[in-house]
PDB file of N, CA and C in Angstrom:
ATOM      1  N   MET A   1       7.198  14.322  11.887  1.00  0.00           N
ATOM      2  CA  MET A   1       6.821  14.639  10.692  1.00  0.00           C
ATOM      3  C   MET A   1       7.666  13.975   9.654  1.00  0.00           C
ATOM      4  N   THR A   2       6.965  13.001   8.929  1.00  0.00           N
ATOM      5  CA  THR A   2       7.647  12.169   8.105  1.00  0.00           C
ATOM      6  C   THR A   2       7.019  12.479   6.527  1.00  0.00           C
ATOM      7  N   ALA A   3       7.853  12.371   5.657  1.00  0.00           N
ATOM      8  CA  ALA A   3       7.158  12.735   4.299  1.00  0.00           C
ATOM      9  C   ALA A   3       7.387  11.529   3.299  1.00  0.00           C
ATOM     10  N   LYS A   4       6.507  11.295   2.247  1.00  0.00           N
ATOM     11  CA  LYS A   4       6.893  10.435   1.439  1.00  0.00           C
ATOM     12  C   LYS A   4       7.007  10.912   0.085  1.00  0.00           C
ATOM     13  N   ILE A   5       8.181  10.590  -0.597  1.00  0.00           N
ATOM     14  CA  ILE A   5       8.429  11.012  -1.955  1.00  0.00           C
ATOM     15  C   ILE A   5       8.178   9.960  -2.912  1.00  0.00           C
ATOM     16  N   TYR A   6       7.424  10.251  -3.878  1.00  0.00           N
ATOM     17  CA  TYR A   6       7.021   9.144  -4.973  1.00  0.00           C
ATOM     18  C   TYR A   6       6.841   9.845  -6.282  1.00  0.00           C
ATOM     19  N   LYS A   7       6.834   8.976  -7.209  1.00  0.00           N
ATOM     20  CA  LYS A   7       6.483   9.457  -8.670  1.00  0.00           C
ATOM     21  C   LYS A   7       4.966   8.819  -8.867  1.00  0.00           C
ATOM     22  N   PRO A   8       3.953   9.543  -9.215  1.00  0.00           N
ATOM     23  CA  PRO A   8       2.634   9.009  -9.319  1.00  0.00           C
ATOM     24  C   PRO A   8       2.394   8.175 -10.490  1.00  0.00           C
ATOM     25  N   ALA A   9       1.637   7.200 -10.368  1.00  0.00           N
ATOM     26  CA  ALA A   9       1.196   6.489 -11.450  1.00  0.00           C
ATOM     27  C   ALA A   9       0.281   7.130 -12.490  1.00  0.00           C
ATOM     28  N   ARG A  10       0.352   6.551 -13.648  1.00  0.00           N
ATOM     29  CA  ARG A  10      -0.644   7.328 -14.522  1.00  0.00           C
ATOM     30  C   ARG A  10      -2.218   7.029 -14.128  1.00  0.00           C
ATOM     31  N   ASN A  11      -3.155   7.873 -14.523  1.00  0.00           N
ATOM     32  CA  ASN A  11      -4.479   7.759 -14.361  1.00  0.00           C
ATOM     33  C   ASN A  11      -5.118   6.447 -14.916  1.00  0.00           C
ATOM     34  N   ALA A  12      -5.788   5.624 -14.155  1.00  0.00           N
ATOM     35  CA  ALA A  12      -6.313   4.313 -14.629  1.00  0.00           C
ATOM     36  C   ALA A  12      -7.372   4.551 -15.750  1.00  0.00           C
ATOM     37  N   MET A  13      -7.993   5.879 -15.665  1.00  0.00           N
ATOM     38  CA  MET A  13      -9.140   6.067 -16.495  1.00  0.00           C
ATOM     39  C   MET A  13      -8.652   6.550 -17.981  1.00  0.00           C
ATOM     40  N   GLN A  14      -7.585   6.721 -18.095  1.00  0.00           N
ATOM     41  CA  GLN A  14      -7.080   7.330 -19.396  1.00  0.00           C
ATOM     42  C   GLN A  14      -5.598   6.563 -19.732  1.00  0.00           C
ATOM     43  N   SER A  15      -5.500   6.675 -20.890  1.00  0.00           N
ATOM     44  CA  SER A  15      -4.160   6.014 -21.512  1.00  0.00           C
ATOM     45  C   SER A  15      -2.994   6.885 -21.472  1.00  0.00           C
ATOM     46  N   GLY A  16      -3.385   8.150 -21.423  1.00  0.00           N
ATOM     47  CA  GLY A  16      -2.190   9.014 -21.364  1.00  0.00           C
ATOM     48  C   GLY A  16      -1.349   9.087 -20.143  1.00  0.00           C
ATOM     49  N   LYS A  17      -0.072   9.655 -20.088  1.00  0.00           N
ATOM     50  CA  LYS A  17       0.815   9.763 -19.240  1.00  0.00           C
ATOM     51  C   LYS A  17       0.989  11.252 -18.735  1.00  0.00           C
ATOM     52  N   GLY A  18       0.075  11.893 -18.746  1.00  0.00           N
ATOM     53  CA  GLY A  18       0.194  13.391 -18.244  1.00  0.00           C
ATOM     54  C   GLY A  18       0.372  13.388 -16.780  1.00  0.00           C
ATOM     55  N   LYS A  19       1.322  14.274 -16.384  1.00  0.00           N
ATOM     56  CA  LYS A  19       1.564  14.630 -15.113  1.00  0.00           C
ATOM     57  C   LYS A  19       2.236  13.546 -14.271  1.00  0.00           C
ATOM     58  N   THR A  20       2.763  12.554 -14.995  1.00  0.00           N
ATOM     59  CA  THR A  20       3.531  11.556 -14.335  1.00  0.00           C
ATOM     60  C   THR A  20       4.929  11.691 -14.274  1.00  0.00           C
ATOM     61  N   ASP A  21       5.444  12.858 -14.928  1.00  0.00           N
ATOM     62  CA  ASP A  21       6.822  13.110 -14.855  1.00  0.00           C
ATOM     63  C   ASP A  21       7.424  13.688 -13.766  1.00  0.00           C
ATOM     64  N   LEU A  22       6.478  14.362 -12.819  1.00  0.00           N
ATOM     65  CA  LEU A  22       6.818  14.976 -11.566  1.00  0.00           C
ATOM     66  C   LEU A  22       7.001  13.994 -10.507  1.00  0.00           C
ATOM     67  N   TRP A  23       7.592  14.484  -9.543  1.00  0.00           N
ATOM     68  CA  TRP A  23       7.824  13.680  -8.300  1.00  0.00           C
ATOM     69  C   TRP A  23       7.082  14.485  -7.234  1.00  0.00           C
ATOM     70  N   LEU A  24       6.591  13.815  -6.261  1.00  0.00           N
ATOM     71  CA  LEU A  24       5.525  14.427  -5.159  1.00  0.00           C
ATOM     72  C   LEU A  24       6.244  14.152  -3.936  1.00  0.00           C
ATOM     73  N   LEU A  25       6.183  15.204  -2.942  1.00  0.00           N
ATOM     74  CA  LEU A  25       6.450  15.103  -1.554  1.00  0.00           C
ATOM     75  C   LEU A  25       5.097  15.179  -0.842  1.00  0.00           C
ATOM     76  N   GLU A  26       4.608  14.404  -0.076  1.00  0.00           N
ATOM     77  CA  GLU A  26       3.546  14.281   0.631  1.00  0.00           C
ATOM     78  C   GLU A  26       3.681  13.936   2.152  1.00  0.00           C
ATOM     79  N   TYR A  27       3.324  14.667   3.130  1.00  0.00           N
ATOM     80  CA  TYR A  27       3.459  14.422   4.534  1.00  0.00           C
ATOM     81  C   TYR A  27       2.549  13.139   4.947  1.00  0.00           C
ATOM     82  N   GLU A  28       3.058  12.205   5.775  1.00  0.00           N
ATOM     83  CA  GLU A  28       2.335  11.315   6.465  1.00  0.00           C
ATOM     84  C   GLU A  28       1.280  11.886   7.484  1.00  0.00           C
ATOM     85  N   PRO A  29       0.187  11.308   7.525  1.00  0.00           N
ATOM     86  CA  PRO A  29      -0.655  11.908   8.691  1.00  0.00           C
ATOM     87  C   PRO A  29      -0.068  11.692  10.034  1.00  0.00           C
ATOM     88  N   GLU A  30      -0.026  12.855  10.845  1.00  0.00           N
ATOM     89  CA  GLU A  30       0.306  12.705  12.202  1.00  0.00           C
ATOM     90  C   GLU A  30      -0.911  12.466  13.223  1.00  0.00           C
ATOM     91  N   LEU A  31      -2.020  12.930  12.924  1.00  0.00           N
ATOM     92  CA  LEU A  31      -3.292  12.857  13.668  1.00  0.00           C
ATOM     93  C   LEU A  31      -4.271  11.976  12.997  1.00  0.00           C
ATOM     94  N   ARG A  32      -5.032  11.277  13.713  1.00  0.00           N
ATOM     95  CA  ARG A  32      -6.069  10.444  13.068  1.00  0.00           C
ATOM     96  C   ARG A  32      -7.189  11.305  12.731  1.00  0.00           C
ATOM     97  N   LEU A  33      -8.081  10.779  11.883  1.00  0.00           N
ATOM     98  CA  LEU A  33      -9.331  11.552  11.354  1.00  0.00           C
ATOM     99  C   LEU A  33     -10.292  11.273  12.505  1.00  0.00           C
ATOM    100  N   THR A  34     -11.158  12.397  12.585  1.00  0.00           N
ATOM    101  CA  THR A  34     -12.148  12.439  13.633  1.00  0.00           C
ATOM    102  C   THR A  34     -13.433  12.781  12.919  1.00  0.00           C
ATOM    103  N   ALA A  35     -14.649  12.229  13.443  1.00  0.00           N
ATOM    104  CA  ALA A  35     -15.834  12.596  12.917  1.00  0.00           C
ATOM    105  C   ALA A  35     -16.496  13.749  13.597  1.00  0.00           C
ATOM    106  N   ASP A  36     -17.137  14.645  12.698  1.00  0.00           N
ATOM    107  CA  ASP A  36     -17.801  15.743  13.459  1.00  0.00           C
ATOM    108  C   ASP A  36     -19.078  15.310  14.007  1.00  0.00           C
ATOM    109  N   PRO A  37     -19.334  15.797  15.303  1.00  0.00           N
ATOM    110  CA  PRO A  37     -20.434  15.253  16.019  1.00  0.00           C
ATOM    111  C   PRO A  37     -21.817  15.835  15.317  1.00  0.00           C
ATOM    112  N   LEU A  38     -21.883  16.913  14.689  1.00  0.00           N
ATOM    113  CA  LEU A  38     -23.021  17.487  14.135  1.00  0.00           C
ATOM    114  C   LEU A  38     -23.294  16.897  12.690  1.00  0.00           C
ATOM    115  N   MET A  39     -22.370  16.836  11.809  1.00  0.00           N
ATOM    116  CA  MET A  39     -22.697  16.649  10.369  1.00  0.00           C
ATOM    117  C   MET A  39     -22.101  15.095   9.980  1.00  0.00           C
ATOM    118  N   GLY A  40     -21.037  14.704  10.849  1.00  0.00           N
ATOM    119  CA  GLY A  40     -20.511  13.286  10.507  1.00  0.00           C
ATOM    120  C   GLY A  40     -19.494  13.392   9.544  1.00  0.00           C
ATOM    121  N   TRP A  41     -19.045  14.680   9.098  1.00  0.00           N
ATOM    122  CA  TRP A  41     -17.960  14.543   8.134  1.00  0.00           C
ATOM    123  C   TRP A  41     -16.649  14.270   8.993  1.00  0.00           C
ATOM    124  N   THR A  42     -15.703  13.650   8.144  1.00  0.00           N
ATOM    125  CA  THR A  42     -14.371  13.242   8.780  1.00  0.00           C
ATOM    126  C   THR A  42     -13.415  14.567   8.692  1.00  0.00           C
ATOM    127  N   SER A  43     -12.606  14.920   9.614  1.00  0.00           N
ATOM    128  CA  SER A  43     -11.788  15.970   9.626  1.00  0.00           C
ATOM    129  C   SER A  43     -10.551  15.730  10.419  1.00  0.00           C
ATOM    130  N   SER A  44      -9.659  16.476  10.429  1.00  0.00           N
ATOM    131  CA  SER A  44      -8.383  16.303  11.060  1.00  0.00           C
ATOM    132  C   SER A  44      -7.680  17.659  11.247  1.00  0.00           C
ATOM    133  N   ALA A  45      -6.981  17.937  12.542  1.00  0.00           N
ATOM    134  CA  ALA A  45      -6.272  19.113  12.749  1.00  0.00           C
ATOM    135  C   ALA A  45      -4.991  19.304  12.183  1.00  0.00           C
ATOM    136  N   ASP A  46      -4.463  18.318  11.501  1.00  0.00           N
ATOM    137  CA  ASP A  46      -3.351  18.035  10.744  1.00  0.00           C
ATOM    138  C   ASP A  46      -3.408  18.696   9.474  1.00  0.00           C
ATOM    139  N   MET A  47      -2.821  19.952   9.511  1.00  0.00           N
ATOM    140  CA  MET A  47      -2.827  20.588   8.192  1.00  0.00           C
ATOM    141  C   MET A  47      -1.996  20.327   7.094  1.00  0.00           C
ATOM    142  N   LYS A  48      -0.857  19.518   7.489  1.00  0.00           N
ATOM    143  CA  LYS A  48       0.220  19.072   6.560  1.00  0.00           C
ATOM    144  C   LYS A  48      -0.212  17.968   5.684  1.00  0.00           C
ATOM    145  N   GLN A  49      -1.482  17.166   6.103  1.00  0.00           N
ATOM    146  CA  GLN A  49      -2.029  16.230   5.163  1.00  0.00           C
ATOM    147  C   GLN A  49      -2.450  16.935   3.840  1.00  0.00           C
ATOM    148  N   GLN A  50      -2.662  18.114   3.890  1.00  0.00           N
ATOM    149  CA  GLN A  50      -3.272  18.709   2.719  1.00  0.00           C
ATOM    150  C   GLN A  50      -2.174  19.268   1.562  1.00  0.00           C
ATOM    151  N   LEU A  51      -1.047  19.177   2.194  1.00  0.00           N
ATOM    152  CA  LEU A  51       0.149  19.867   1.410  1.00  0.00           C
ATOM    153  C   LEU A  51       0.823  18.946   0.330  1.00  0.00           C
ATOM    154  N   ARG A  52       0.825  19.192  -0.802  1.00  0.00           N
ATOM    155  CA  ARG A  52       1.454  18.342  -2.009  1.00  0.00           C
ATOM    156  C   ARG A  52       2.491  19.184  -2.585  1.00  0.00           C
ATOM    157  N   LEU A  53       3.819  18.866  -2.381  1.00  0.00           N
ATOM    158  CA  LEU A  53       4.908  19.680  -3.248  1.00  0.00           C
ATOM    159  C   LEU A  53       5.311  18.729  -4.518  1.00  0.00           C
ATOM    160  N   THR A  54       5.526  19.632  -5.516  1.00  0.00           N
ATOM    161  CA  THR A  54       5.917  18.737  -6.692  1.00  0.00           C
ATOM    162  C   THR A  54       7.319  19.181  -7.118  1.00  0.00           C
ATOM    163  N   PHE A  55       7.911  18.341  -7.650  1.00  0.00           N
ATOM    164  CA  PHE A  55       9.344  18.617  -8.112  1.00  0.00           C
ATOM    165  C   PHE A  55       9.656  18.070  -9.373  1.00  0.00           C
ATOM    166  N   GLU A  56      10.644  18.532 -10.168  1.00  0.00           N
ATOM    167  CA  GLU A  56      11.048  18.099 -11.449  1.00  0.00           C
ATOM    168  C   GLU A  56      11.802  16.709 -11.329  1.00  0.00           C
ATOM    169  N   SER A  57      12.446  16.452 -10.167  1.00  0.00           N
ATOM    170  CA  SER A  57      13.208  15.192 -10.029  1.00  0.00           C
ATOM    171  C   SER A  57      13.294  14.751  -8.688  1.00  0.00           C
ATOM    172  N   LYS A  58      13.586  13.538  -8.542  1.00  0.00           N
ATOM    173  CA  LYS A  58      13.825  12.815  -7.182  1.00  0.00           C
ATOM    174  C   LYS A  58      14.865  13.596  -6.379  1.00  0.00           C
ATOM    175  N   GLU A  59      16.031  13.992  -6.938  1.00  0.00           N
ATOM    176  CA  GLU A  59      17.057  14.575  -6.243  1.00  0.00           C
ATOM    177  C   GLU A  59      16.635  15.974  -5.740  1.00  0.00           C
ATOM    178  N   GLN A  60      15.708  16.679  -6.485  1.00  0.00           N
ATOM    179  CA  GLN A  60      15.467  17.913  -5.949  1.00  0.00           C
ATOM    180  C   GLN A  60      14.496  17.776  -4.660  1.00  0.00           C
ATOM    181  N   ALA A  61      13.506  16.735  -4.709  1.00  0.00           N
ATOM    182  CA  ALA A  61      12.617  16.565  -3.653  1.00  0.00           C
ATOM    183  C   ALA A  61      13.340  16.180  -2.360  1.00  0.00           C
ATOM    184  N   ILE A  62      14.466  15.156  -2.624  1.00  0.00           N
ATOM    185  CA  ILE A  62      15.301  14.819  -1.478  1.00  0.00           C
ATOM    186  C   ILE A  62      16.121  15.918  -0.893  1.00  0.00           C
ATOM    187  N   ALA A  63      16.550  16.784  -1.818  1.00  0.00           N
ATOM    188  CA  ALA A  63      17.409  18.113  -1.385  1.00  0.00           C
ATOM    189  C   ALA A  63      16.435  18.938  -0.427  1.00  0.00           C
ATOM    190  N   TYR A  64      15.360  19.136  -1.054  1.00  0.00           N
ATOM    191  CA  TYR A  64      14.525  19.968  -0.139  1.00  0.00           C
ATOM    192  C   TYR A  64      14.113  19.373   1.235  1.00  0.00           C
ATOM    193  N   ALA A  65      13.789  18.087   1.324  1.00  0.00           N
ATOM    194  CA  ALA A  65      13.530  17.477   2.566  1.00  0.00           C
ATOM    195  C   ALA A  65      14.836  17.613   3.440  1.00  0.00           C
ATOM    196  N   GLU A  66      15.937  17.398   2.899  1.00  0.00           N
ATOM    197  CA  GLU A  66      17.112  17.345   3.857  1.00  0.00           C
ATOM    198  C   GLU A  66      17.512  18.752   4.197  1.00  0.00           C
ATOM    199  N   ARG A  67      17.171  19.706   3.221  1.00  0.00           N
ATOM    200  CA  ARG A  67      17.617  21.146   3.713  1.00  0.00           C
ATOM    201  C   ARG A  67      16.508  21.589   4.872  1.00  0.00           C
ATOM    202  N   ASN A  68      15.299  21.202   4.793  1.00  0.00           N
ATOM    203  CA  ASN A  68      14.259  21.734   5.923  1.00  0.00           C
ATOM    204  C   ASN A  68      14.241  20.646   6.947  1.00  0.00           C
ATOM    205  N   GLY A  69      15.267  19.759   6.936  1.00  0.00           N
ATOM    206  CA  GLY A  69      15.212  18.804   8.219  1.00  0.00           C
ATOM    207  C   GLY A  69      13.926  17.890   8.406  1.00  0.00           C
ATOM    208  N   ILE A  70      13.329  17.684   7.134  1.00  0.00           N
ATOM    209  CA  ILE A  70      12.071  16.564   7.123  1.00  0.00           C
ATOM    210  C   ILE A  70      12.637  15.148   6.920  1.00  0.00           C
ATOM    211  N   ALA A  71      12.161  14.323   7.791  1.00  0.00           N
ATOM    212  CA  ALA A  71      12.409  12.930   7.637  1.00  0.00           C
ATOM    213  C   ALA A  71      11.472  12.341   6.613  1.00  0.00           C
ATOM    214  N   TYR A  72      12.187  11.560   5.701  1.00  0.00           N
ATOM    215  CA  TYR A  72      11.421  10.993   4.402  1.00  0.00           C
ATOM    216  C   TYR A  72      11.863   9.832   4.146  1.00  0.00           C
ATOM    217  N   TRP A  73      10.876   9.189   3.255  1.00  0.00           N
ATOM    218  CA  TRP A  73      11.371   7.859   2.689  1.00  0.00           C
ATOM    219  C   TRP A  73      10.936   8.016   1.111  1.00  0.00           C
ATOM    220  N   VAL A  74      11.663   7.426   0.361  1.00  0.00           N
ATOM    221  CA  VAL A  74      11.390   7.315  -1.087  1.00  0.00           C
ATOM    222  C   VAL A  74      10.747   6.018  -1.537  1.00  0.00           C
ATOM    223  N   GLU A  75       9.643   6.208  -2.107  1.00  0.00           N
ATOM    224  CA  GLU A  75       8.878   4.928  -2.802  1.00  0.00           C
ATOM    225  C   GLU A  75       9.501   4.642  -4.036  1.00  0.00           C
ATOM    226  N   PRO A  76       9.921   3.448  -4.345  1.00  0.00           N
ATOM    227  CA  PRO A  76      10.687   3.136  -5.672  1.00  0.00           C
ATOM    228  C   PRO A  76       9.739   3.410  -6.736  1.00  0.00           C
ATOM    229  N   GLU A  77      10.275   3.694  -7.941  1.00  0.00           N
ATOM    230  CA  GLU A  77       9.429   4.039  -9.099  1.00  0.00           C
ATOM    231  C   GLU A  77       8.914   2.753  -9.781  1.00  0.00           C
ATOM    232  N   ALA A  78       7.737   2.581 -10.081  1.00  0.00           N
ATOM    233  CA  ALA A  78       7.139   1.388 -10.741  1.00  0.00           C
ATOM    234  C   ALA A  78       7.591   1.281 -12.121  1.00  0.00           C
ATOM    235  N   PRO A  79       8.074   0.166 -12.710  1.00  0.00           N
ATOM    236  CA  PRO A  79       8.454   0.185 -14.050  1.00  0.00           C
ATOM    237  C   PRO A  79       7.246   0.390 -14.884  1.00  0.00           C
ATOM    238  N   ALA A  80       7.421   0.927 -15.956  1.00  0.00           N
ATOM    239  CA  ALA A  80       6.380   1.198 -17.131  1.00  0.00           C
ATOM    240  C   ALA A  80       6.270  -0.112 -17.786  1.00  0.00           C
ATOM    241  N   ARG A  81       4.953  -0.690 -17.842  1.00  0.00           N
ATOM    242  CA  ARG A  81       4.633  -1.980 -18.600  1.00  0.00           C
ATOM    243  C   ARG A  81       3.764  -1.463 -19.863  1.00  0.00           C
ATOM    244  N   ALA A  82       4.386  -1.630 -20.996  1.00  0.00           N
ATOM    245  CA  ALA A  82       3.787  -1.450 -22.192  1.00  0.00           C
ATOM    246  C   ALA A  82       3.226  -2.746 -22.885  1.00  0.00           C
ATOM    247  N   GLN A  83       2.039  -2.709 -23.194  1.00  0.00           N
ATOM    248  CA  GLN A  83       1.355  -3.854 -23.628  1.00  0.00           C
ATOM    249  C   GLN A  83       1.377  -3.642 -25.218  1.00  0.00           C
ATOM    250  N   ARG A  84       1.867  -4.477 -25.811  1.00  0.00           N
ATOM    251  CA  ARG A  84       1.788  -4.720 -27.194  1.00  0.00           C
ATOM    252  C   ARG A  84       0.319  -5.116 -27.763  1.00  0.00           C
ATOM    253  N   LYS A  85      -0.004  -4.356 -28.607  1.00  0.00           N
ATOM    254  CA  LYS A  85      -1.672  -4.566 -29.165  1.00  0.00           C
ATOM    255  C   LYS A  85      -1.554  -4.443 -30.673  1.00  0.00           C
ATOM    256  N   SER A  86      -2.320  -5.293 -31.263  1.00  0.00           N
ATOM    257  CA  SER A  86      -2.421  -4.904 -32.797  1.00  0.00           C
ATOM    258  C   SER A  86      -3.999  -4.616 -33.110  1.00  0.00           C
ATOM    259  N   TYR A  87      -3.887  -3.604 -33.877  1.00  0.00           N
ATOM    260  CA  TYR A  87      -5.400  -3.140 -34.136  1.00  0.00           C
ATOM    261  C   TYR A  87      -6.173  -4.213 -34.965  1.00  0.00           C
ATOM    262  N   ALA A  88      -5.418  -5.109 -35.722  1.00  0.00           N
ATOM    263  CA  ALA A  88      -6.168  -6.109 -36.417  1.00  0.00           C
ATOM    264  C   ALA A  88      -6.740  -7.182 -35.449  1.00  0.00           C
ATOM    265  N   ASP A  89      -6.239  -7.276 -34.302  1.00  0.00           N
ATOM    266  CA  ASP A  89      -6.734  -8.448 -33.423  1.00  0.00           C
ATOM    267  C   ASP A  89      -8.175  -7.863 -32.903  1.00  0.00           C
ATOM    268  N   ASN A  90      -8.703  -6.789 -33.329  1.00  0.00           N
ATOM    269  CA  ASN A  90     -10.128  -6.406 -32.762  1.00  0.00           C
ATOM    270  C   ASN A  90     -11.052  -7.116 -33.962  1.00  0.00           C
ATOM    271  N   PHE A  91     -10.478  -7.503 -34.920  1.00  0.00           N
ATOM    272  CA  PHE A  91     -11.439  -8.042 -35.968  1.00  0.00           C
ATOM    273  C   PHE A  91     -10.946  -9.433 -36.188  1.00  0.00           C
ATOM    274  N   LYS A  92     -10.142 -10.142 -35.434  1.00  0.00           N
ATOM    275  CA  LYS A  92      -9.746 -11.588 -35.570  1.00  0.00           C
ATOM    276  C   LYS A  92     -10.805 -12.544 -35.513  1.00  0.00           C
ATOM    277  N   TRP A  93     -10.822 -13.623 -36.244  1.00  0.00           N
ATOM    278  CA  TRP A  93     -11.890 -14.537 -36.311  1.00  0.00           C
ATOM    279  C   TRP A  93     -11.608 -15.644 -34.962  1.00  0.00           C
ATOM    280  N   GLY A  94     -12.653 -15.845 -34.366  1.00  0.00           N
ATOM    281  CA  GLY A  94     -12.502 -16.789 -33.291  1.00  0.00           C
ATOM    282  C   GLY A  94     -11.873 -15.980 -32.008  1.00  0.00           C
ATOM    283  N   ARG A  95     -12.120 -14.692 -31.812  1.00  0.00           N
ATOM    284  CA  ARG A  95     -11.757 -14.063 -30.737  1.00  0.00           C
ATOM    285  C   ARG A  95     -12.617 -14.473 -29.524  1.00  0.00           C
ATOM    286  N   THR A  96     -12.018 -14.295 -28.372  1.00  0.00           N
ATOM    287  CA  THR A  96     -12.577 -14.996 -27.062  1.00  0.00           C
ATOM    288  C   THR A  96     -13.259 -13.830 -26.468  1.00  0.00           C
ATOM    289  N   GLU A  97     -12.866 -12.335 -26.448  1.00  0.00           N
ATOM    290  CA  GLU A  97     -13.610 -11.444 -25.866  1.00  0.00           C
ATOM    291  C   GLU A  97     -14.849 -11.229 -26.561  1.00  0.00           C
ATOM    292  N   THR A  98     -16.081 -10.590 -25.890  1.00  0.00           N
ATOM    293  CA  THR A  98     -17.136 -10.086 -26.689  1.00  0.00           C
ATOM    294  C   THR A  98     -16.783  -8.756 -27.497  1.00  0.00           C
ATOM    295  N   TRP A  99     -17.690  -8.566 -28.545  1.00  0.00           N
ATOM    296  CA  TRP A  99     -17.454  -7.446 -29.297  1.00  0.00           C
ATOM    297  C   TRP A  99     -18.280  -6.290 -28.606  1.00  0.00           C
ATOM    298  N   THR A 100     -17.597  -5.061 -28.556  1.00  0.00           N
ATOM    299  CA  THR A 100     -18.266  -4.131 -27.483  1.00  0.00           C
ATOM    300  C   THR A 100     -18.815  -2.966 -28.171  1.00  0.00           C
ATOM    301  N   HIS A 101     -18.919  -2.949 -29.534  1.00  0.00           N
ATOM    302  CA  HIS A 101     -19.555  -1.802 -30.163  1.00  0.00           C
ATOM    303  C   HIS A 101     -20.248  -2.352 -31.573  1.00  0.00           C
TER     304      HIS A 101
END
């Protein structure tokens, strides 16, 4: 039973950073997915795949895993890349991108 501790990336569909300040602990799958013979849906008997624990800090997640004897690995936090953009570039003469509206 191995767990992965990581900080989720922001949603690619939105520019906000909501729910990215929490750390997650998720269990790695122990059993493989199987297809249901009648409906064809994929399922697994491993119930820990559905469990996601949230923590306010990486240290809290590590302490929880060590306290409960869970083998874990920590995924390094990705650096935040801020892109500098100017509003005036939307109206620049000779711009290479197409106008979208």
